[in-house]
Amino acid sequence: MIHYPYDLEFVSYNRSFPNLCRGDFRINLYGKEWVLKLQSGGTATCYGATEHIVRRPWTIYEDLLSDDFPRDLIPAVLLLAHKHVPMGCCGGCI
């Protein structure tokens, strides 16, 4: 179990198969709810009849964060995302 040195909790993620790759990741940080945009680092391609899915870690659209979001907590938020949301790129789009 991961213990964070601050009050950080998972609230929800609003996507699932077949659109897992990007969505709203809601967290609670020190009693305030934040909505962050998550993007899969993976890819899904189709070569003829062959599907190729690569799952990679989540990223956060940092340019969409509010100015008062503590950027130094982004690594901890990503750990929380990886704990609660299946690895991005489910292949549902192909």
C-alpha atoms as a PDB file:
ATOM      1  CA  MET A   1       0.000   0.000   0.000  1.00  0.00           C
ATOM      2  CA  ILE A   2       1.282   3.453  -0.904  1.00  0.00           C
ATOM      3  CA  HIS A   3       1.134   6.098   1.816  1.00  0.00           C
ATOM      4  CA  TYR A   4       1.335   9.701   0.731  1.00  0.00           C
ATOM      5  CA  PRO A   5       2.850  12.385   2.968  1.00  0.00           C
ATOM      6  CA  TYR A   6      -0.189  14.585   2.264  1.00  0.00           C
ATOM      7  CA  ASP A   7      -3.946  14.178   2.112  1.00  0.00           C
ATOM      8  CA  LEU A   8      -4.402  12.851  -1.448  1.00  0.00           C
ATOM      9  CA  GLU A   9      -7.327  10.617  -2.440  1.00  0.00           C
ATOM     10  CA  PHE A  10      -8.681   9.110  -5.653  1.00  0.00           C
ATOM     11  CA  VAL A  11     -12.273  10.156  -6.413  1.00  0.00           C
ATOM     12  CA  SER A  12     -13.037   8.900  -9.933  1.00  0.00           C
ATOM     13  CA  TYR A  13     -12.003   8.486 -13.551  1.00  0.00           C
ATOM     14  CA  ASN A  14     -14.759   8.999 -16.138  1.00  0.00           C
ATOM     15  CA  ARG A  15     -13.591   6.748 -18.975  1.00  0.00           C
ATOM     16  CA  SER A  16     -13.556   3.022 -19.658  1.00  0.00           C
ATOM     17  CA  PHE A  17     -13.302   0.666 -22.634  1.00  0.00           C
ATOM     18  CA  PRO A  18     -13.525   1.570 -25.507  1.00  0.00           C
ATOM     19  CA  ASN A  19     -12.462   5.140 -24.634  1.00  0.00           C
ATOM     20  CA  LEU A  20     -10.032   4.603 -21.779  1.00  0.00           C
ATOM     21  CA  CYS A  21      -7.241   6.671 -23.315  1.00  0.00           C
ATOM     22  CA  ARG A  22      -8.115  10.137 -22.017  1.00  0.00           C
ATOM     23  CA  GLY A  23     -10.516  11.555 -19.516  1.00  0.00           C
ATOM     24  CA  ASP A  24     -11.186  13.402 -16.288  1.00  0.00           C
ATOM     25  CA  PHE A  25      -9.271  12.155 -13.251  1.00  0.00           C
ATOM     26  CA  ARG A  26     -10.816  13.488 -10.047  1.00  0.00           C
ATOM     27  CA  ILE A  27      -8.781  13.677  -6.888  1.00  0.00           C
ATOM     28  CA  ASN A  28      -9.241  15.149  -3.456  1.00  0.00           C
ATOM     29  CA  LEU A  29      -6.218  17.041  -2.157  1.00  0.00           C
ATOM     30  CA  TYR A  30      -6.410  18.546   1.329  1.00  0.00           C
ATOM     31  CA  GLY A  31     -10.214  18.565   1.137  1.00  0.00           C
ATOM     32  CA  LYS A  32     -10.422  20.267  -2.271  1.00  0.00           C
ATOM     33  CA  GLU A  33     -11.591  18.347  -5.336  1.00  0.00           C
ATOM     34  CA  TRP A  34      -9.518  18.763  -8.485  1.00  0.00           C
ATOM     35  CA  VAL A  35     -10.244  17.572 -12.010  1.00  0.00           C
ATOM     36  CA  LEU A  36      -7.136  16.748 -14.026  1.00  0.00           C
ATOM     37  CA  LYS A  37      -7.011  15.609 -17.630  1.00  0.00           C
ATOM     38  CA  LEU A  38      -5.263  12.248 -18.068  1.00  0.00           C
ATOM     39  CA  GLN A  39      -3.842  10.999 -21.364  1.00  0.00           C
ATOM     40  CA  SER A  40      -2.608   7.525 -22.129  1.00  0.00           C
ATOM     41  CA  GLY A  41       1.018   7.256 -23.113  1.00  0.00           C
ATOM     42  CA  GLY A  42       0.183   4.193 -25.209  1.00  0.00           C
ATOM     43  CA  THR A  43      -0.730   3.672 -28.828  1.00  0.00           C
ATOM     44  CA  ALA A  44      -3.098   1.469 -30.799  1.00  0.00           C
ATOM     45  CA  THR A  45      -2.523   0.768 -34.461  1.00  0.00           C
ATOM     46  CA  CYS A  46      -3.921  -1.649 -36.985  1.00  0.00           C
ATOM     47  CA  TYR A  47      -1.890  -3.154 -39.816  1.00  0.00           C
ATOM     48  CA  GLY A  48      -4.339  -5.007 -42.004  1.00  0.00           C
ATOM     49  CA  ALA A  49      -5.858  -7.655 -39.745  1.00  0.00           C
ATOM     50  CA  THR A  50      -3.189  -7.237 -37.059  1.00  0.00           C
ATOM     51  CA  GLU A  51      -3.838  -4.991 -34.072  1.00  0.00           C
ATOM     52  CA  HIS A  52      -0.889  -3.668 -32.116  1.00  0.00           C
ATOM     53  CA  ILE A  53      -1.558  -2.177 -28.684  1.00  0.00           C
ATOM     54  CA  VAL A  54       1.180  -0.628 -26.556  1.00  0.00           C
ATOM     55  CA  ARG A  55       0.314   0.286 -22.974  1.00  0.00           C
ATOM     56  CA  ARG A  56       2.399   3.017 -21.396  1.00  0.00           C
ATOM     57  CA  PRO A  57       2.124   5.153 -18.250  1.00  0.00           C
ATOM     58  CA  TRP A  58      -0.403   7.928 -17.854  1.00  0.00           C
ATOM     59  CA  THR A  59       0.463  11.583 -18.360  1.00  0.00           C
ATOM     60  CA  ILE A  60      -1.298  14.723 -17.189  1.00  0.00           C
ATOM     61  CA  TYR A  61      -2.132  17.655 -19.439  1.00  0.00           C
ATOM     62  CA  GLU A  62      -0.063  20.064 -17.347  1.00  0.00           C
ATOM     63  CA  ASP A  63      -0.964  23.065 -19.501  1.00  0.00           C
ATOM     64  CA  LEU A  64      -4.623  22.582 -18.494  1.00  0.00           C
ATOM     65  CA  LEU A  65      -3.930  22.638 -14.743  1.00  0.00           C
ATOM     66  CA  SER A  66      -5.147  25.626 -12.798  1.00  0.00           C
ATOM     67  CA  ASP A  67      -2.440  28.032 -11.699  1.00  0.00           C
ATOM     68  CA  ASP A  68      -2.914  27.141  -8.040  1.00  0.00           C
ATOM     69  CA  PHE A  69      -2.451  23.369  -8.462  1.00  0.00           C
ATOM     70  CA  PRO A  70       0.783  22.297  -6.685  1.00  0.00           C
ATOM     71  CA  ARG A  71       2.918  21.072  -9.595  1.00  0.00           C
ATOM     72  CA  ASP A  72       5.366  19.359  -7.262  1.00  0.00           C
ATOM     73  CA  LEU A  73       2.621  16.800  -6.502  1.00  0.00           C
ATOM     74  CA  ILE A  74       2.237  15.652 -10.120  1.00  0.00           C
ATOM     75  CA  PRO A  75       4.434  12.533  -9.588  1.00  0.00           C
ATOM     76  CA  ALA A  76       2.275  11.488  -6.617  1.00  0.00           C
ATOM     77  CA  VAL A  77      -0.921  12.113  -8.599  1.00  0.00           C
ATOM     78  CA  LEU A  78       0.405   9.920 -11.413  1.00  0.00           C
ATOM     79  CA  LEU A  79       1.170   7.147  -8.905  1.00  0.00           C
ATOM     80  CA  LEU A  80      -2.410   7.439  -7.712  1.00  0.00           C
ATOM     81  CA  ALA A  81      -3.662   7.247 -11.311  1.00  0.00           C
ATOM     82  CA  HIS A  82      -1.641   4.095 -11.975  1.00  0.00           C
ATOM     83  CA  LYS A  83      -3.025   2.538  -8.807  1.00  0.00           C
ATOM     84  CA  HIS A  84      -6.705   3.197  -9.638  1.00  0.00           C
ATOM     85  CA  VAL A  85      -6.996   3.374 -13.441  1.00  0.00           C
ATOM     86  CA  PRO A  86      -6.026   0.512 -15.776  1.00  0.00           C
ATOM     87  CA  MET A  87      -2.964   1.281 -17.905  1.00  0.00           C
ATOM     88  CA  GLY A  88      -4.047   3.473 -20.792  1.00  0.00           C
ATOM     89  CA  CYS A  89      -4.612   2.442 -24.389  1.00  0.00           C
ATOM     90  CA  CYS A  90      -7.147  -0.365 -24.301  1.00  0.00           C
ATOM     91  CA  GLY A  91      -7.375  -0.754 -28.086  1.00  0.00           C
ATOM     92  CA  GLY A  92     -11.085   0.058 -28.136  1.00  0.00           C
ATOM     93  CA  CYS A  93     -10.593   2.597 -30.922  1.00  0.00           C
ATOM     94  CA  ILE A  94      -9.409   0.036 -33.485  1.00  0.00           C
END
